[in-house]
Amino acid sequence: MYRDLRVAVVVPAHNEERLIGTVITTAPELVDHIIIVDDASSDATSDVAKAAADARTEVHRLPENQGVGGAIVAGHKRALELGCDVSVVMAGDAQMDPRFLPSLIDPIADGEAQFTKANRFYGEGSFAGMPRHRVIGNVGMSFLTKAASGYWNLFDPQNGYTAIHRHALERLQLDRLSRRYEFENDLLIKLNVLRVPARDVPIPAVYGAEVSGLRVSKVAPRLLRLLFRGFWHRMWWKYVLQSFSAVALMFFTGLFLVTVGLAFGIFTIVNTLGPPVATPGTVLLAVAPLLSGLHFLVSALQLDIQEGNR
C-alpha cells in the first residue's frame, strides 16, 4: 500500500529477456502487484520473469502478439480484477526509473489528478542520452497530440510511464483503445472526452542496453491518422453531444466562415485573371468571412486550452 492506495505495476514485454528481471527486482516495496504481460515473445521473457522469484509477480502470456497497447490493456484489466486503486505502466526494457514511482502516484493520492504521466522534457539537461531524431519526433508529436487530445498542459505523449486511478480505468472502454504504438495518444484523447484530470510529472528516462524495434516509416502514418480521427471524435463527443458548448459553436461557425471565404476568394481570383478587376465589394465578400472565421477559430482554441488545463 502507498498512502492507502493499492498499487499495481503493469509491465508489457515483448522479447525482453535481457532486462525484464531488472524491472522486477528494482520494483519498490510500495508496489503490491507486478503484472508481467508477455506479448507472445519468441524468447525466454516469461521464464526470466518467473525466475525473478518475487512473490508479488504474476506472468501472463498472450497467445498472439497484441502490440504494446493490447498488452497494457490486458494488464489494466488484471489490475482491476485484483482490486488495485492505481495501475502504473512500466516498460519491460528498464527505461523507467522506479525511484520516481511515488512522484507519479502522489498527484493521484492528493486528489489532483486521476491520470499522471512522466515528462522527459522538463529542463535543459533532460535531453541528455536521448537520440536527436527522437527529440525532434517527440516535440512534433507532442504538439499534434495536444491539439488532438485537448490536454494542452501535457507534453511528451509517447512516454509510457503512466499511472491511472481505477475510477478512470472503469470509465474507459478499454477494448476500444488502439493496440499498437499509438495507444498512448488514443488513451489521452479518450480520457479528455471523459474529462479526466491529468498531470505531467518531470521524470528522466534511463537509456542503456535497450534496443528499439520501432519503425518510424510504418508507425508515423498510422499515428497521424489516429490523431486526425481522434480530434474530430473529441470535438463531436465532448463539445457537441455532451454539452454543445461555446467551443463547438465557435469552432464550427469559424470553420464554415473560413471555408466560405476561401471558396469565394478562389472563385474571385479565377474570374478576375486578366482584364477584369474585382470590385471592393467583391473582395470584401471574400475577406470578411475569412477574417471572421479565423477569429472564431482562435477563440475556440483559447476556450479549448482553458478546458484542457483544468
Protein backbone atom coordinates (compact mmCIF):
# COMPACT_ATOMS: atom_id res chain seq x y z
CA MET A 1 0.00 0.00 0.00
CA TYR A 2 1.09 3.54 -0.71
CA ARG A 3 -0.86 6.32 1.01
CA ASP A 4 -3.84 3.96 1.39
CA LEU A 5 -3.72 3.07 -2.31
CA ARG A 6 -3.23 -0.47 -3.56
CA VAL A 7 -0.70 -0.21 -6.38
CA ALA A 8 -0.17 -2.49 -9.37
CA VAL A 9 2.66 -2.19 -11.89
CA VAL A 10 1.77 -3.37 -15.39
CA VAL A 11 4.78 -4.38 -17.49
CA PRO A 12 4.12 -5.01 -21.21
CA ALA A 13 7.01 -7.11 -22.50
CA HIS A 14 7.92 -8.45 -25.92
CA ASN A 15 11.29 -10.20 -26.23
CA GLU A 16 12.68 -8.54 -23.11
CA GLU A 17 14.53 -11.48 -21.55
CA ARG A 18 17.65 -9.33 -21.04
CA LEU A 19 16.05 -6.65 -18.86
CA ILE A 20 12.71 -7.95 -17.55
CA GLY A 21 14.42 -9.35 -14.46
CA THR A 22 15.84 -5.91 -13.66
CA VAL A 23 12.37 -4.35 -13.87
CA ILE A 24 11.03 -6.86 -11.34
CA THR A 25 13.92 -6.79 -8.87
CA THR A 26 14.04 -2.98 -8.76
CA ALA A 27 10.31 -2.52 -8.13
CA PRO A 28 9.95 -0.62 -4.82
CA GLU A 29 8.22 -2.11 -1.78
CA LEU A 30 5.21 0.17 -2.19
CA VAL A 31 4.11 -1.95 -5.16
CA ASP A 32 1.53 -4.60 -4.25
CA HIS A 33 1.32 -6.44 -7.57
CA ILE A 34 3.70 -6.74 -10.54
CA ILE A 35 1.77 -7.86 -13.61
CA ILE A 36 4.05 -9.03 -16.42
CA VAL A 37 2.22 -9.31 -19.74
CA ASP A 38 4.34 -11.32 -22.16
CA ASP A 39 3.14 -10.23 -25.60
CA ALA A 40 3.80 -13.55 -27.35
CA SER A 41 7.58 -13.23 -27.05
CA SER A 42 9.79 -15.57 -29.05
CA ASP A 43 12.48 -15.57 -26.35
CA ALA A 44 12.54 -16.54 -22.66
CA THR A 45 10.84 -13.40 -21.33
CA SER A 46 8.24 -15.35 -19.33
CA ASP A 47 10.80 -17.78 -17.90
CA VAL A 48 13.14 -14.99 -16.79
CA ALA A 49 10.25 -13.11 -15.18
CA LYS A 50 9.20 -16.19 -13.22
CA ALA A 51 12.79 -16.87 -12.23
CA ALA A 52 12.96 -13.48 -10.53
CA ALA A 53 11.04 -15.19 -7.72
CA ASP A 54 9.21 -12.10 -6.48
CA ALA A 55 6.03 -13.10 -4.63
CA ARG A 56 4.25 -10.01 -5.96
CA THR A 57 4.80 -11.05 -9.57
CA GLU A 58 2.39 -12.85 -11.86
CA VAL A 59 3.15 -13.57 -15.50
CA HIS A 60 0.51 -13.62 -18.21
CA ARG A 61 1.50 -14.75 -21.70
CA LEU A 62 -0.70 -13.63 -24.59
CA PRO A 63 -1.17 -16.38 -27.20
CA GLU A 64 -0.88 -13.88 -30.07
CA ASN A 65 1.03 -10.62 -30.35
CA GLN A 66 -1.31 -7.75 -29.47
CA GLY A 67 1.10 -4.83 -29.57
CA VAL A 68 2.12 -2.70 -26.61
CA GLY A 69 -1.39 -1.24 -26.26
CA GLY A 70 -3.01 -4.66 -26.20
CA ALA A 71 -0.56 -5.85 -23.54
CA ILE A 72 -1.21 -2.77 -21.39
CA VAL A 73 -4.97 -3.19 -21.67
CA ALA A 74 -4.65 -6.81 -20.55
CA GLY A 75 -2.57 -5.69 -17.58
CA HIS A 76 -5.01 -2.93 -16.60
CA LYS A 77 -7.89 -5.39 -16.67
CA ARG A 78 -5.99 -7.71 -14.36
CA ALA A 79 -5.20 -4.81 -12.01
CA LEU A 80 -8.91 -4.05 -11.76
CA GLU A 81 -9.64 -7.72 -11.02
CA LEU A 82 -7.09 -7.60 -8.19
CA GLY A 83 -8.85 -4.59 -6.68
CA CYS A 84 -5.95 -2.20 -7.19
CA ASP A 85 -6.57 1.53 -6.81
CA VAL A 86 -3.73 2.68 -9.06
CA SER A 87 -2.29 0.94 -12.12
CA VAL A 88 1.19 2.05 -13.17
CA VAL A 89 2.73 1.16 -16.54
CA MET A 90 6.46 0.47 -16.73
CA ALA A 91 8.22 -0.79 -19.85
CA GLY A 92 9.97 -4.14 -19.88
CA ASP A 93 13.26 -2.59 -21.05
CA ALA A 94 14.07 -0.88 -17.71
CA GLN A 95 13.90 2.64 -19.20
CA MET A 96 11.56 3.85 -16.46
CA ASP A 97 13.27 4.67 -13.18
CA PRO A 98 11.28 3.06 -10.31
CA ARG A 99 12.63 5.64 -7.83
CA PHE A 100 10.22 8.19 -9.29
CA LEU A 101 7.15 6.00 -8.86
CA PRO A 102 5.96 7.92 -5.73
CA SER A 103 6.16 11.18 -7.70
CA LEU A 104 3.84 9.67 -10.27
CA ILE A 105 1.31 8.46 -7.70
CA ASP A 106 1.30 11.49 -5.36
CA PRO A 107 -0.94 13.73 -7.54
CA ILE A 108 -3.49 10.89 -7.64
CA ALA A 109 -3.27 10.34 -3.87
CA ASP A 110 -3.69 14.10 -3.33
CA GLY A 111 -6.83 14.15 -5.48
CA GLU A 112 -5.25 16.50 -8.04
CA ALA A 113 -5.48 14.05 -10.92
CA GLN A 114 -6.74 10.62 -11.94
CA PHE A 115 -4.09 10.16 -14.62
CA THR A 116 -0.42 11.10 -14.49
CA LYS A 117 2.41 10.59 -16.94
CA ALA A 118 6.14 11.15 -16.98
CA ASN A 119 7.59 14.04 -18.96
CA ARG A 120 11.21 13.69 -20.08
CA PHE A 121 11.33 17.28 -21.42
CA TYR A 122 11.41 19.12 -18.12
CA GLY A 123 14.66 21.13 -18.35
CA GLU A 124 17.73 21.92 -20.42
CA GLY A 125 19.52 18.79 -19.29
CA SER A 126 16.57 16.47 -19.84
CA PHE A 127 17.60 15.65 -23.42
CA ALA A 128 20.86 14.01 -22.31
CA GLY A 129 21.14 10.49 -23.69
CA MET A 130 18.13 10.83 -26.00
CA PRO A 131 18.90 10.40 -29.73
CA ARG A 132 18.41 13.65 -31.67
CA HIS A 133 15.87 12.20 -34.10
CA ARG A 134 13.77 11.05 -31.14
CA VAL A 135 13.89 14.53 -29.60
CA ILE A 136 12.62 16.13 -32.82
CA GLY A 137 9.98 13.47 -33.34
CA ASN A 138 8.70 13.74 -29.77
CA VAL A 139 8.44 17.53 -29.92
CA GLY A 140 6.45 17.43 -33.17
CA MET A 141 4.22 14.61 -31.98
CA SER A 142 3.63 16.39 -28.68
CA PHE A 143 2.13 19.41 -30.44
CA LEU A 144 -0.11 17.30 -32.66
CA THR A 145 -1.27 15.26 -29.67
CA LYS A 146 -2.04 18.42 -27.70
CA ALA A 147 -4.37 19.56 -30.48
CA ALA A 148 -5.98 16.15 -30.93
CA SER A 149 -6.40 15.25 -27.26
CA GLY A 150 -7.13 18.69 -25.77
CA TYR A 151 -4.60 18.15 -22.98
CA TRP A 152 -2.64 21.32 -23.76
CA ASN A 153 -0.89 21.10 -20.37
CA LEU A 154 0.73 17.73 -21.20
CA PHE A 155 3.90 17.05 -23.18
CA ASP A 156 5.89 14.01 -24.30
CA PRO A 157 2.82 11.90 -25.19
CA GLN A 158 4.84 8.84 -26.28
CA ASN A 159 6.18 8.44 -22.75
CA GLY A 160 4.53 5.28 -21.47
CA TYR A 161 5.45 5.76 -17.80
CA THR A 162 1.94 6.44 -16.55
CA ALA A 163 -0.35 5.95 -13.56
CA ILE A 164 -4.13 5.84 -13.64
CA HIS A 165 -6.75 5.59 -10.91
CA ARG A 166 -9.28 2.78 -11.07
CA HIS A 167 -12.15 5.30 -11.32
CA ALA A 168 -10.77 6.47 -14.68
CA LEU A 169 -9.98 2.92 -15.82
CA GLU A 170 -13.53 1.77 -15.07
CA ARG A 171 -14.97 4.56 -17.21
CA LEU A 172 -12.78 3.77 -20.21
CA GLN A 173 -13.85 1.35 -22.93
CA LEU A 174 -10.55 -0.49 -22.77
CA ASP A 175 -11.32 -2.87 -25.63
CA ARG A 176 -11.80 0.08 -27.99
CA LEU A 177 -8.36 1.60 -27.38
CA SER A 178 -5.65 1.28 -30.01
CA ARG A 179 -3.49 -1.81 -29.60
CA ARG A 180 -0.24 -0.64 -31.16
CA TYR A 181 2.31 2.15 -30.68
CA GLU A 182 -0.39 4.83 -30.88
CA PHE A 183 -2.04 3.52 -27.71
CA GLU A 184 -0.80 6.41 -25.54
CA ASN A 185 -2.18 9.04 -27.93
CA ASP A 186 -5.54 7.29 -28.22
CA LEU A 187 -5.71 6.96 -24.43
CA LEU A 188 -5.20 10.72 -23.95
CA ILE A 189 -7.97 11.51 -26.43
CA LYS A 190 -10.45 9.17 -24.73
CA LEU A 191 -9.52 10.42 -21.25
CA ASN A 192 -10.09 14.03 -22.30
CA VAL A 193 -13.52 13.19 -23.68
CA LEU A 194 -14.32 11.80 -20.23
CA ARG A 195 -12.87 14.99 -18.66
CA VAL A 196 -10.39 13.01 -16.56
CA PRO A 197 -7.96 15.41 -14.80
CA ALA A 198 -4.38 14.68 -15.90
CA ARG A 199 -0.94 15.91 -14.83
CA ASP A 200 2.63 15.75 -16.13
CA VAL A 201 5.41 14.69 -13.75
CA PRO A 202 9.06 15.55 -14.56
CA ILE A 203 10.87 12.20 -14.71
CA PRO A 204 14.06 11.45 -16.67
CA ALA A 205 14.32 8.37 -18.85
CA VAL A 206 17.07 5.76 -18.50
CA TYR A 207 18.87 4.93 -21.73
CA GLY A 208 21.08 1.90 -21.55
CA ALA A 209 21.21 -1.53 -23.18
CA GLU A 210 17.68 -1.47 -24.61
CA VAL A 211 17.21 -1.74 -28.38
CA SER A 212 14.23 -0.04 -30.01
CA GLY A 213 12.39 -2.02 -32.67
CA LEU A 214 10.27 0.94 -33.73
CA ARG A 215 9.95 1.50 -37.49
CA VAL A 216 9.02 5.18 -37.90
CA SER A 217 8.04 4.80 -41.56
CA LYS A 218 5.41 2.25 -40.57
CA VAL A 219 4.19 3.85 -37.37
CA ALA A 220 4.00 7.55 -38.37
CA PRO A 221 1.19 7.29 -40.98
CA ARG A 222 -0.93 5.18 -38.65
CA LEU A 223 -0.33 7.59 -35.78
CA LEU A 224 -1.21 10.65 -37.86
CA ARG A 225 -4.47 9.00 -39.00
CA LEU A 226 -5.38 8.27 -35.39
CA LEU A 227 -4.71 11.86 -34.30
CA PHE A 228 -6.82 13.24 -37.17
CA ARG A 229 -9.75 10.95 -36.40
CA GLY A 230 -9.26 11.47 -32.67
CA PHE A 231 -9.52 15.25 -32.99
CA TRP A 232 -12.89 15.06 -34.71
CA HIS A 233 -14.07 12.36 -32.30
CA ARG A 234 -13.21 14.59 -29.34
CA MET A 235 -14.81 17.70 -30.82
CA TRP A 236 -18.03 15.83 -31.61
CA TRP A 237 -18.42 13.89 -28.37
CA LYS A 238 -17.06 16.39 -25.86
CA TYR A 239 -18.29 19.68 -27.26
CA VAL A 240 -21.41 18.72 -29.24
CA LEU A 241 -23.13 15.61 -27.89
CA GLN A 242 -22.19 16.08 -24.23
CA SER A 243 -22.85 19.80 -23.91
CA PHE A 244 -22.92 21.73 -27.20
CA SER A 245 -20.65 24.29 -25.61
CA ALA A 246 -19.33 27.62 -26.87
CA VAL A 247 -16.26 25.77 -28.17
CA ALA A 248 -18.40 23.84 -30.65
CA LEU A 249 -20.37 26.94 -31.66
CA MET A 250 -17.24 28.99 -32.34
CA PHE A 251 -15.30 26.14 -33.93
CA PHE A 252 -17.91 25.03 -36.45
CA THR A 253 -19.02 28.60 -37.20
CA GLY A 254 -15.41 29.60 -37.77
CA LEU A 255 -14.79 26.55 -39.94
CA PHE A 256 -17.84 27.39 -42.04
CA LEU A 257 -16.86 31.05 -42.48
CA VAL A 258 -13.26 30.20 -43.38
CA THR A 259 -14.48 27.70 -45.96
CA VAL A 260 -16.89 30.26 -47.47
CA GLY A 261 -14.21 32.97 -47.52
CA LEU A 262 -11.61 30.71 -49.15
CA ALA A 263 -14.08 29.37 -51.72
CA PHE A 264 -15.32 32.83 -52.69
CA GLY A 265 -11.75 34.18 -52.72
CA ILE A 266 -10.57 31.44 -55.08
CA PHE A 267 -13.66 31.99 -57.25
CA THR A 268 -12.92 35.73 -57.38
CA ILE A 269 -9.24 35.24 -58.27
CA VAL A 270 -10.04 32.77 -61.04
CA ASN A 271 -12.64 35.08 -62.59
CA THR A 272 -10.51 38.23 -62.42
CA LEU A 273 -7.38 36.88 -64.10
CA GLY A 274 -6.59 39.17 -66.99
CA PRO A 275 -8.51 42.37 -67.81
CA PRO A 276 -11.40 42.02 -65.29
CA VAL A 277 -10.82 43.72 -61.96
CA ALA A 278 -12.58 42.68 -58.74
CA THR A 279 -14.65 45.41 -57.12
CA PRO A 280 -14.02 46.38 -53.48
CA GLY A 281 -17.37 44.82 -52.57
CA THR A 282 -16.38 41.52 -54.16
CA VAL A 283 -13.06 41.47 -52.30
CA LEU A 284 -14.88 42.26 -49.04
CA LEU A 285 -17.21 39.29 -49.56
CA ALA A 286 -14.16 37.05 -49.63
CA VAL A 287 -12.07 38.71 -46.91
CA ALA A 288 -14.79 39.38 -44.30
CA PRO A 289 -15.89 35.72 -43.81
CA LEU A 290 -12.26 34.59 -43.83
CA LEU A 291 -11.15 37.03 -41.11
CA SER A 292 -14.29 36.46 -39.04
CA GLY A 293 -13.84 32.70 -39.32
CA LEU A 294 -10.23 32.90 -38.19
CA HIS A 295 -11.33 34.99 -35.20
CA PHE A 296 -13.91 32.36 -34.23
CA LEU A 297 -11.35 29.55 -34.59
CA VAL A 298 -8.80 31.35 -32.40
CA SER A 299 -11.49 31.94 -29.76
CA ALA A 300 -12.45 28.26 -29.87
CA LEU A 301 -8.78 27.32 -29.44
CA GLN A 302 -8.46 29.59 -26.40
CA LEU A 303 -11.52 28.02 -24.76
CA ASP A 304 -10.25 24.53 -25.56
CA ILE A 305 -6.88 25.32 -23.96
CA GLN A 306 -8.61 26.65 -20.83
CA GLU A 307 -10.74 23.49 -20.63
CA GLY A 308 -7.74 21.18 -21.13
CA ASN A 309 -5.64 22.91 -18.47
CA ARG A 310 -8.18 22.48 -15.66
